[in-house]
Amino acid sequence: MPRQRGASSLLFCVLFLVFSTSVNATAVTNQAHSKVGVIIPFYVPSTSSGWNKIIAEKKAFANVSFVVIVNPDSGVGPSKDPNFAKDVKEMQDAGITVLGYDWTGYGSVPQKDVEGNMSDYAKWYGVNGIFFDGMSASASKVSYYETDSSYARALKFSITVGNPGTNVNSKLYNIFKFLNVWENHNLPSTSNLNTGESASQQSYIANGIKSFPPPSKLDALNDFVSFVFITSYVNYGQLPSYFNSEINYLSHT
């Protein structure tokens, strides 16, 4: 009889540990990602100290999804920069998704040029995807952007983002992973976001914001977007002084 009680106690302990571990693992999983991530246009050379700042913030707030858009030279540039490639790799090693900047001229840039940029980004820098800037808001350009998206898939990019910077025709959704539907010198209102679309389909960028807005203003927008970036600069050459506060806020969404 004593041996049977000992076996039962041992079994109970094992089951308790398994259950406890399972609960803890679930808790970690549930906290793995914040509701809203950050999408950072970071148009600087490889010598910028801002690279390390972004990496440090990602490591400090691991539950926040980081997407960083790099822009070596108004696009991929004429040749590979080994230092830039090193910076991209260090960001990726820290868990940051890196996108290459590609200007589309609202559908006027020849697709061979847009595709050439994509191809060089893949070969030279191994980026995770492409940020299509200057995206047209017109349904007449659906085919143009579908072709861009198809080429990106052929290059094995895992994420593509279109940047019309404004509301667009509904036919332009689902071509890319998501659309940046606001880029302006102030915060959007809900009327500036397509509330009929999934939050996973939208982001916004607000520049020229001198101080970090009250969380209550941002909370009202969080149901409609999956990524945001708020900055005091308009040329995306520096990080705002309140960058840490911004990431801290996002970590609690």
C-alpha atoms as a PDB file:
ATOM      1  CA  MET A   1       0.000   0.000   0.000  1.00  0.00           C
ATOM      2  CA  PRO A   2       2.703   2.605   0.836  1.00  0.00           C
ATOM      3  CA  ARG A   3       4.348   1.902  -2.519  1.00  0.00           C
ATOM      4  CA  GLN A   4       1.055   2.506  -4.307  1.00  0.00           C
ATOM      5  CA  ARG A   5       0.609   5.863  -2.554  1.00  0.00           C
ATOM      6  CA  GLY A   6       4.148   6.822  -3.554  1.00  0.00           C
ATOM      7  CA  ALA A   7       3.462   6.000  -7.188  1.00  0.00           C
ATOM      8  CA  SER A   8       0.256   8.032  -7.105  1.00  0.00           C
ATOM      9  CA  SER A   9       2.089  10.999  -5.593  1.00  0.00           C
ATOM     10  CA  LEU A  10       4.785  10.791  -8.229  1.00  0.00           C
ATOM     11  CA  LEU A  11       2.177  10.642 -11.003  1.00  0.00           C
ATOM     12  CA  PHE A  12       0.395  13.661  -9.515  1.00  0.00           C
ATOM     13  CA  CYS A  13       3.648  15.645  -9.423  1.00  0.00           C
ATOM     14  CA  VAL A  14       4.410  14.773 -13.033  1.00  0.00           C
ATOM     15  CA  LEU A  15       0.919  15.747 -14.178  1.00  0.00           C
ATOM     16  CA  PHE A  16       1.096  18.990 -12.190  1.00  0.00           C
ATOM     17  CA  LEU A  17       4.414  19.912 -13.759  1.00  0.00           C
ATOM     18  CA  VAL A  18       3.139  19.130 -17.255  1.00  0.00           C
ATOM     19  CA  PHE A  19      -0.026  21.158 -16.675  1.00  0.00           C
ATOM     20  CA  SER A  20       1.903  24.029 -15.117  1.00  0.00           C
ATOM     21  CA  THR A  21       4.387  24.083 -17.970  1.00  0.00           C
ATOM     22  CA  SER A  22       1.543  24.018 -20.486  1.00  0.00           C
ATOM     23  CA  VAL A  23      -0.193  26.961 -18.792  1.00  0.00           C
ATOM     24  CA  ASN A  24       3.037  28.946 -18.641  1.00  0.00           C
ATOM     25  CA  ALA A  25       3.785  28.205 -22.273  1.00  0.00           C
ATOM     26  CA  THR A  26       0.297  29.376 -23.214  1.00  0.00           C
ATOM     27  CA  ALA A  27       0.789  32.584 -21.260  1.00  0.00           C
ATOM     28  CA  VAL A  28       4.065  33.254 -23.044  1.00  0.00           C
ATOM     29  CA  THR A  29       2.443  32.548 -26.399  1.00  0.00           C
ATOM     30  CA  ASN A  30      -0.427  34.901 -25.643  1.00  0.00           C
ATOM     31  CA  GLN A  31       2.051  37.641 -24.791  1.00  0.00           C
ATOM     32  CA  ALA A  32       4.311  36.955 -27.764  1.00  0.00           C
ATOM     33  CA  HIS A  33       3.125  39.892 -29.835  1.00  0.00           C
ATOM     34  CA  SER A  34       1.528  43.195 -29.078  1.00  0.00           C
ATOM     35  CA  LYS A  35      -1.659  44.073 -30.933  1.00  0.00           C
ATOM     36  CA  VAL A  36       0.028  46.886 -32.864  1.00  0.00           C
ATOM     37  CA  GLY A  37       3.605  46.840 -34.166  1.00  0.00           C
ATOM     38  CA  VAL A  38       5.874  49.592 -35.456  1.00  0.00           C
ATOM     39  CA  ILE A  39       6.736  50.308 -39.103  1.00  0.00           C
ATOM     40  CA  ILE A  40       9.783  52.580 -39.361  1.00  0.00           C
ATOM     41  CA  PRO A  41      10.909  54.325 -42.562  1.00  0.00           C
ATOM     42  CA  PHE A  42      14.640  54.631 -41.859  1.00  0.00           C
ATOM     43  CA  TYR A  43      16.306  56.279 -44.827  1.00  0.00           C
ATOM     44  CA  VAL A  44      19.879  56.591 -43.597  1.00  0.00           C
ATOM     45  CA  PRO A  45      23.372  55.361 -44.561  1.00  0.00           C
ATOM     46  CA  SER A  46      25.049  52.439 -42.865  1.00  0.00           C
ATOM     47  CA  THR A  47      27.053  54.774 -40.598  1.00  0.00           C
ATOM     48  CA  SER A  48      23.983  55.965 -38.663  1.00  0.00           C
ATOM     49  CA  SER A  49      23.870  55.226 -34.935  1.00  0.00           C
ATOM     50  CA  GLY A  50      20.119  54.835 -35.277  1.00  0.00           C
ATOM     51  CA  TRP A  51      20.531  51.245 -36.454  1.00  0.00           C
ATOM     52  CA  ASN A  52      21.781  50.214 -33.017  1.00  0.00           C
ATOM     53  CA  LYS A  53      19.018  52.199 -31.317  1.00  0.00           C
ATOM     54  CA  ILE A  54      16.344  50.323 -33.240  1.00  0.00           C
ATOM     55  CA  ILE A  55      17.965  46.984 -32.449  1.00  0.00           C
ATOM     56  CA  ALA A  56      18.233  47.896 -28.764  1.00  0.00           C
ATOM     57  CA  GLU A  57      14.544  48.820 -28.590  1.00  0.00           C
ATOM     58  CA  LYS A  58      13.540  45.579 -30.305  1.00  0.00           C
ATOM     59  CA  LYS A  59      15.544  43.589 -27.780  1.00  0.00           C
ATOM     60  CA  ALA A  60      14.033  45.556 -24.891  1.00  0.00           C
ATOM     61  CA  PHE A  61      10.477  45.089 -26.200  1.00  0.00           C
ATOM     62  CA  ALA A  62      10.579  41.683 -27.841  1.00  0.00           C
ATOM     63  CA  ASN A  63       6.780  41.405 -27.986  1.00  0.00           C
ATOM     64  CA  VAL A  64       6.509  44.361 -30.384  1.00  0.00           C
ATOM     65  CA  SER A  65       6.704  43.492 -34.091  1.00  0.00           C
ATOM     66  CA  PHE A  66       9.244  45.707 -35.869  1.00  0.00           C
ATOM     67  CA  VAL A  67       9.181  46.432 -39.601  1.00  0.00           C
ATOM     68  CA  VAL A  68      11.986  48.694 -40.835  1.00  0.00           C
ATOM     69  CA  ILE A  69      12.068  50.166 -44.349  1.00  0.00           C
ATOM     70  CA  VAL A  70      15.601  50.746 -45.646  1.00  0.00           C
ATOM     71  CA  ASN A  71      16.453  53.060 -48.501  1.00  0.00           C
ATOM     72  CA  PRO A  72      20.140  52.991 -49.478  1.00  0.00           C
ATOM     73  CA  ASP A  73      19.969  55.552 -52.288  1.00  0.00           C
ATOM     74  CA  SER A  74      16.446  56.595 -53.333  1.00  0.00           C
ATOM     75  CA  GLY A  75      15.944  52.905 -53.905  1.00  0.00           C
ATOM     76  CA  VAL A  76      18.437  50.076 -53.871  1.00  0.00           C
ATOM     77  CA  GLY A  77      21.245  52.209 -55.361  1.00  0.00           C
ATOM     78  CA  PRO A  78      23.789  51.455 -58.083  1.00  0.00           C
ATOM     79  CA  SER A  79      25.830  48.827 -56.252  1.00  0.00           C
ATOM     80  CA  LYS A  80      25.986  46.750 -53.094  1.00  0.00           C
ATOM     81  CA  ASP A  81      27.214  48.410 -49.895  1.00  0.00           C
ATOM     82  CA  PRO A  82      28.765  45.686 -47.678  1.00  0.00           C
ATOM     83  CA  ASN A  83      28.287  47.792 -44.545  1.00  0.00           C
ATOM     84  CA  PHE A  84      24.633  48.301 -45.353  1.00  0.00           C
ATOM     85  CA  ALA A  85      24.248  44.554 -45.885  1.00  0.00           C
ATOM     86  CA  LYS A  86      25.808  43.988 -42.458  1.00  0.00           C
ATOM     87  CA  ASP A  87      23.353  46.400 -40.829  1.00  0.00           C
ATOM     88  CA  VAL A  88      20.388  44.681 -42.475  1.00  0.00           C
ATOM     89  CA  LYS A  89      21.607  41.279 -41.269  1.00  0.00           C
ATOM     90  CA  GLU A  90      22.042  42.556 -37.702  1.00  0.00           C
ATOM     91  CA  MET A  91      18.482  43.861 -37.700  1.00  0.00           C
ATOM     92  CA  GLN A  92      17.152  40.561 -38.990  1.00  0.00           C
ATOM     93  CA  ASP A  93      19.159  38.649 -36.396  1.00  0.00           C
ATOM     94  CA  ALA A  94      17.424  40.750 -33.732  1.00  0.00           C
ATOM     95  CA  GLY A  95      14.018  39.668 -35.049  1.00  0.00           C
ATOM     96  CA  ILE A  96      13.283  42.742 -37.168  1.00  0.00           C
ATOM     97  CA  THR A  97      11.560  42.467 -40.556  1.00  0.00           C
ATOM     98  CA  VAL A  98      13.437  44.562 -43.132  1.00  0.00           C
ATOM     99  CA  LEU A  99      11.808  45.960 -46.276  1.00  0.00           C
ATOM    100  CA  GLY A 100      13.518  47.556 -49.242  1.00  0.00           C
ATOM    101  CA  TYR A 101      12.176  50.905 -50.479  1.00  0.00           C
ATOM    102  CA  ASP A 102      10.869  50.862 -54.066  1.00  0.00           C
ATOM    103  CA  TRP A 103       9.276  53.964 -55.669  1.00  0.00           C
ATOM    104  CA  THR A 104       6.413  53.217 -58.093  1.00  0.00           C
ATOM    105  CA  GLY A 105       5.456  56.766 -59.127  1.00  0.00           C
ATOM    106  CA  TYR A 106       1.737  56.037 -58.641  1.00  0.00           C
ATOM    107  CA  GLY A 107       1.958  53.346 -61.260  1.00  0.00           C
ATOM    108  CA  SER A 108       4.048  55.328 -63.755  1.00  0.00           C
ATOM    109  CA  VAL A 109       7.502  53.812 -63.138  1.00  0.00           C
ATOM    110  CA  PRO A 110       8.214  51.070 -65.703  1.00  0.00           C
ATOM    111  CA  GLN A 111       7.733  47.723 -64.042  1.00  0.00           C
ATOM    112  CA  LYS A 112      11.109  46.511 -65.234  1.00  0.00           C
ATOM    113  CA  ASP A 113      12.657  49.233 -63.071  1.00  0.00           C
ATOM    114  CA  VAL A 114      10.523  48.363 -60.049  1.00  0.00           C
ATOM    115  CA  GLU A 115      11.395  44.692 -60.545  1.00  0.00           C
ATOM    116  CA  GLY A 116      15.080  45.514 -61.010  1.00  0.00           C
ATOM    117  CA  ASN A 117      15.094  47.210 -57.623  1.00  0.00           C
ATOM    118  CA  MET A 118      13.429  44.192 -56.062  1.00  0.00           C
ATOM    119  CA  SER A 119      15.895  41.800 -57.618  1.00  0.00           C
ATOM    120  CA  ASP A 120      18.908  43.801 -56.395  1.00  0.00           C
ATOM    121  CA  TYR A 121      17.453  44.090 -52.892  1.00  0.00           C
ATOM    122  CA  ALA A 122      17.153  40.302 -52.845  1.00  0.00           C
ATOM    123  CA  LYS A 123      20.682  39.685 -54.157  1.00  0.00           C
ATOM    124  CA  TRP A 124      22.568  42.393 -52.300  1.00  0.00           C
ATOM    125  CA  TYR A 125      20.783  42.729 -48.990  1.00  0.00           C
ATOM    126  CA  GLY A 126      18.527  39.713 -48.505  1.00  0.00           C
ATOM    127  CA  VAL A 127      15.656  41.873 -47.273  1.00  0.00           C
ATOM    128  CA  ASN A 128      12.439  40.222 -46.122  1.00  0.00           C
ATOM    129  CA  GLY A 129      10.208  42.182 -48.464  1.00  0.00           C
ATOM    130  CA  ILE A 130       9.445  45.402 -50.313  1.00  0.00           C
ATOM    131  CA  PHE A 131       7.786  48.716 -49.439  1.00  0.00           C
ATOM    132  CA  PHE A 132       6.121  50.057 -52.596  1.00  0.00           C
ATOM    133  CA  ASP A 133       6.082  53.817 -52.121  1.00  0.00           C
ATOM    134  CA  GLY A 134       4.047  56.199 -54.279  1.00  0.00           C
ATOM    135  CA  MET A 135       1.264  53.658 -54.657  1.00  0.00           C
ATOM    136  CA  SER A 136      -1.708  54.830 -56.680  1.00  0.00           C
ATOM    137  CA  ALA A 137      -5.104  54.913 -54.957  1.00  0.00           C
ATOM    138  CA  SER A 138      -6.896  54.214 -58.241  1.00  0.00           C
ATOM    139  CA  ALA A 139      -8.510  50.904 -59.157  1.00  0.00           C
ATOM    140  CA  SER A 140      -7.114  51.411 -62.667  1.00  0.00           C
ATOM    141  CA  LYS A 141      -3.684  50.384 -61.317  1.00  0.00           C
ATOM    142  CA  VAL A 142      -4.754  47.048 -59.847  1.00  0.00           C
ATOM    143  CA  SER A 143      -3.037  45.091 -62.624  1.00  0.00           C
ATOM    144  CA  TYR A 144       0.185  47.102 -62.215  1.00  0.00           C
ATOM    145  CA  TYR A 145       0.448  46.297 -58.518  1.00  0.00           C
ATOM    146  CA  GLU A 146      -0.652  42.704 -58.956  1.00  0.00           C
ATOM    147  CA  THR A 147       2.300  42.292 -61.322  1.00  0.00           C
ATOM    148  CA  ASP A 148       4.628  43.826 -58.714  1.00  0.00           C
ATOM    149  CA  SER A 149       3.239  41.512 -56.055  1.00  0.00           C
ATOM    150  CA  SER A 150       3.643  38.466 -58.280  1.00  0.00           C
ATOM    151  CA  TYR A 151       7.289  39.322 -58.957  1.00  0.00           C
ATOM    152  CA  ALA A 152       7.897  39.793 -55.225  1.00  0.00           C
ATOM    153  CA  ARG A 153       6.480  36.327 -54.560  1.00  0.00           C
ATOM    154  CA  ALA A 154       8.742  34.872 -57.233  1.00  0.00           C
ATOM    155  CA  LEU A 155      11.698  36.353 -55.333  1.00  0.00           C
ATOM    156  CA  LYS A 156      10.432  34.622 -52.152  1.00  0.00           C
ATOM    157  CA  PHE A 157       9.760  37.850 -50.264  1.00  0.00           C
ATOM    158  CA  SER A 158       7.652  37.121 -47.196  1.00  0.00           C
ATOM    159  CA  ILE A 159       6.017  40.544 -46.892  1.00  0.00           C
ATOM    160  CA  THR A 160       5.013  43.368 -49.224  1.00  0.00           C
ATOM    161  CA  VAL A 161       3.547  46.731 -48.228  1.00  0.00           C
ATOM    162  CA  GLY A 162       1.959  49.344 -50.453  1.00  0.00           C
ATOM    163  CA  ASN A 163       2.097  53.011 -49.482  1.00  0.00           C
ATOM    164  CA  PRO A 164      -0.680  55.120 -51.001  1.00  0.00           C
ATOM    165  CA  GLY A 165      -0.641  57.275 -47.847  1.00  0.00           C
ATOM    166  CA  THR A 166      -4.393  57.726 -48.141  1.00  0.00           C
ATOM    167  CA  ASN A 167      -7.618  55.763 -48.435  1.00  0.00           C
ATOM    168  CA  VAL A 168      -7.740  53.674 -51.593  1.00  0.00           C
ATOM    169  CA  ASN A 169     -10.213  51.829 -53.750  1.00  0.00           C
ATOM    170  CA  SER A 170     -11.194  48.567 -52.053  1.00  0.00           C
ATOM    171  CA  LYS A 171      -9.891  46.597 -55.057  1.00  0.00           C
ATOM    172  CA  LEU A 172      -6.337  47.534 -54.053  1.00  0.00           C
ATOM    173  CA  TYR A 173      -6.579  45.656 -50.768  1.00  0.00           C
ATOM    174  CA  ASN A 174      -5.208  42.099 -50.557  1.00  0.00           C
ATOM    175  CA  ILE A 175      -2.685  42.676 -53.323  1.00  0.00           C
ATOM    176  CA  PHE A 176       0.024  43.261 -50.725  1.00  0.00           C
ATOM    177  CA  LYS A 177       0.322  42.075 -47.131  1.00  0.00           C
ATOM    178  CA  PHE A 178      -1.045  45.419 -45.979  1.00  0.00           C
ATOM    179  CA  LEU A 179      -1.342  49.068 -47.029  1.00  0.00           C
ATOM    180  CA  ASN A 180      -0.068  52.185 -45.316  1.00  0.00           C
ATOM    181  CA  VAL A 181      -3.202  54.303 -45.695  1.00  0.00           C
ATOM    182  CA  TRP A 182      -2.061  57.463 -43.920  1.00  0.00           C
ATOM    183  CA  GLU A 183       1.187  59.434 -44.180  1.00  0.00           C
ATOM    184  CA  ASN A 184       0.836  63.019 -43.061  1.00  0.00           C
ATOM    185  CA  HIS A 185       1.925  65.698 -40.573  1.00  0.00           C
ATOM    186  CA  ASN A 186      -0.741  64.818 -38.035  1.00  0.00           C
ATOM    187  CA  LEU A 187      -2.491  61.786 -36.620  1.00  0.00           C
ATOM    188  CA  PRO A 188      -5.266  60.241 -38.690  1.00  0.00           C
ATOM    189  CA  SER A 189      -8.847  60.116 -37.517  1.00  0.00           C
ATOM    190  CA  THR A 190     -10.931  56.997 -37.943  1.00  0.00           C
ATOM    191  CA  SER A 191     -12.409  58.605 -41.073  1.00  0.00           C
ATOM    192  CA  ASN A 192      -8.920  58.505 -42.621  1.00  0.00           C
ATOM    193  CA  LEU A 193      -8.770  54.738 -42.135  1.00  0.00           C
ATOM    194  CA  ASN A 194     -10.880  52.190 -43.946  1.00  0.00           C
ATOM    195  CA  THR A 195     -12.901  50.889 -41.009  1.00  0.00           C
ATOM    196  CA  GLY A 196     -14.454  48.250 -43.239  1.00  0.00           C
ATOM    197  CA  GLU A 197     -11.106  46.504 -43.718  1.00  0.00           C
ATOM    198  CA  SER A 198      -9.325  44.205 -41.291  1.00  0.00           C
ATOM    199  CA  ALA A 199      -6.764  45.865 -39.011  1.00  0.00           C
ATOM    200  CA  SER A 200      -4.197  43.420 -40.410  1.00  0.00           C
ATOM    201  CA  GLN A 201      -4.605  45.158 -43.774  1.00  0.00           C
ATOM    202  CA  GLN A 202      -3.670  48.691 -42.638  1.00  0.00           C
ATOM    203  CA  SER A 203      -0.990  50.866 -41.066  1.00  0.00           C
ATOM    204  CA  TYR A 204      -0.337  54.582 -40.693  1.00  0.00           C
ATOM    205  CA  ILE A 205       2.670  56.899 -40.425  1.00  0.00           C
ATOM    206  CA  ALA A 206       2.362  60.298 -38.756  1.00  0.00           C
ATOM    207  CA  ASN A 207       5.366  62.612 -39.115  1.00  0.00           C
ATOM    208  CA  GLY A 208       6.184  66.074 -37.831  1.00  0.00           C
ATOM    209  CA  ILE A 209       4.628  65.249 -34.439  1.00  0.00           C
ATOM    210  CA  LYS A 210       6.632  67.259 -31.899  1.00  0.00           C
ATOM    211  CA  SER A 211       5.708  65.275 -28.797  1.00  0.00           C
ATOM    212  CA  PHE A 212       4.326  61.793 -28.296  1.00  0.00           C
ATOM    213  CA  PRO A 213       0.515  61.948 -28.318  1.00  0.00           C
ATOM    214  CA  PRO A 214      -1.593  60.946 -25.301  1.00  0.00           C
ATOM    215  CA  PRO A 215      -2.282  57.188 -25.379  1.00  0.00           C
ATOM    216  CA  SER A 216      -6.031  57.863 -25.357  1.00  0.00           C
ATOM    217  CA  LYS A 217      -5.743  59.425 -28.836  1.00  0.00           C
ATOM    218  CA  LEU A 218      -3.873  56.403 -30.129  1.00  0.00           C
ATOM    219  CA  ASP A 219      -6.064  53.801 -28.452  1.00  0.00           C
ATOM    220  CA  ALA A 220      -9.021  54.949 -30.544  1.00  0.00           C
ATOM    221  CA  LEU A 221      -7.155  54.034 -33.741  1.00  0.00           C
ATOM    222  CA  ASN A 222      -5.742  50.674 -32.706  1.00  0.00           C
ATOM    223  CA  ASP A 223      -8.759  48.644 -33.798  1.00  0.00           C
ATOM    224  CA  PHE A 224      -8.123  49.616 -37.415  1.00  0.00           C
ATOM    225  CA  VAL A 225      -4.376  49.129 -37.883  1.00  0.00           C
ATOM    226  CA  SER A 226      -1.686  46.540 -37.297  1.00  0.00           C
ATOM    227  CA  PHE A 227       1.373  48.828 -37.573  1.00  0.00           C
ATOM    228  CA  VAL A 228       2.049  52.510 -36.842  1.00  0.00           C
ATOM    229  CA  PHE A 229       4.914  54.967 -36.676  1.00  0.00           C
ATOM    230  CA  ILE A 230       4.869  58.409 -35.106  1.00  0.00           C
ATOM    231  CA  THR A 231       7.873  60.679 -35.485  1.00  0.00           C
ATOM    232  CA  SER A 232       8.891  64.293 -35.077  1.00  0.00           C
ATOM    233  CA  TYR A 233      10.878  64.199 -38.330  1.00  0.00           C
ATOM    234  CA  VAL A 234       9.544  64.414 -41.870  1.00  0.00           C
ATOM    235  CA  ASN A 235      12.523  63.065 -43.822  1.00  0.00           C
ATOM    236  CA  TYR A 236      12.913  59.794 -41.873  1.00  0.00           C
ATOM    237  CA  GLY A 237      16.588  60.397 -41.314  1.00  0.00           C
ATOM    238  CA  GLN A 238      16.418  60.241 -37.526  1.00  0.00           C
ATOM    239  CA  LEU A 239      14.445  58.627 -34.752  1.00  0.00           C
ATOM    240  CA  PRO A 240      12.227  60.811 -32.577  1.00  0.00           C
ATOM    241  CA  SER A 241      13.412  61.663 -29.068  1.00  0.00           C
ATOM    242  CA  TYR A 242      10.318  59.873 -27.736  1.00  0.00           C
ATOM    243  CA  PHE A 243      11.071  56.639 -29.627  1.00  0.00           C
ATOM    244  CA  ASN A 244      11.425  54.634 -26.414  1.00  0.00           C
ATOM    245  CA  SER A 245       8.067  55.922 -25.149  1.00  0.00           C
ATOM    246  CA  GLU A 246       6.455  54.975 -28.435  1.00  0.00           C
ATOM    247  CA  ILE A 247       7.710  51.396 -28.350  1.00  0.00           C
ATOM    248  CA  ASN A 248       6.838  51.090 -24.664  1.00  0.00           C
ATOM    249  CA  TYR A 249       3.285  52.198 -25.470  1.00  0.00           C
ATOM    250  CA  LEU A 250       2.996  49.686 -28.322  1.00  0.00           C
ATOM    251  CA  SER A 251       4.229  46.886 -26.086  1.00  0.00           C
ATOM    252  CA  HIS A 252       1.061  47.296 -24.006  1.00  0.00           C
ATOM    253  CA  THR A 253      -1.432  47.304 -26.880  1.00  0.00           C
END
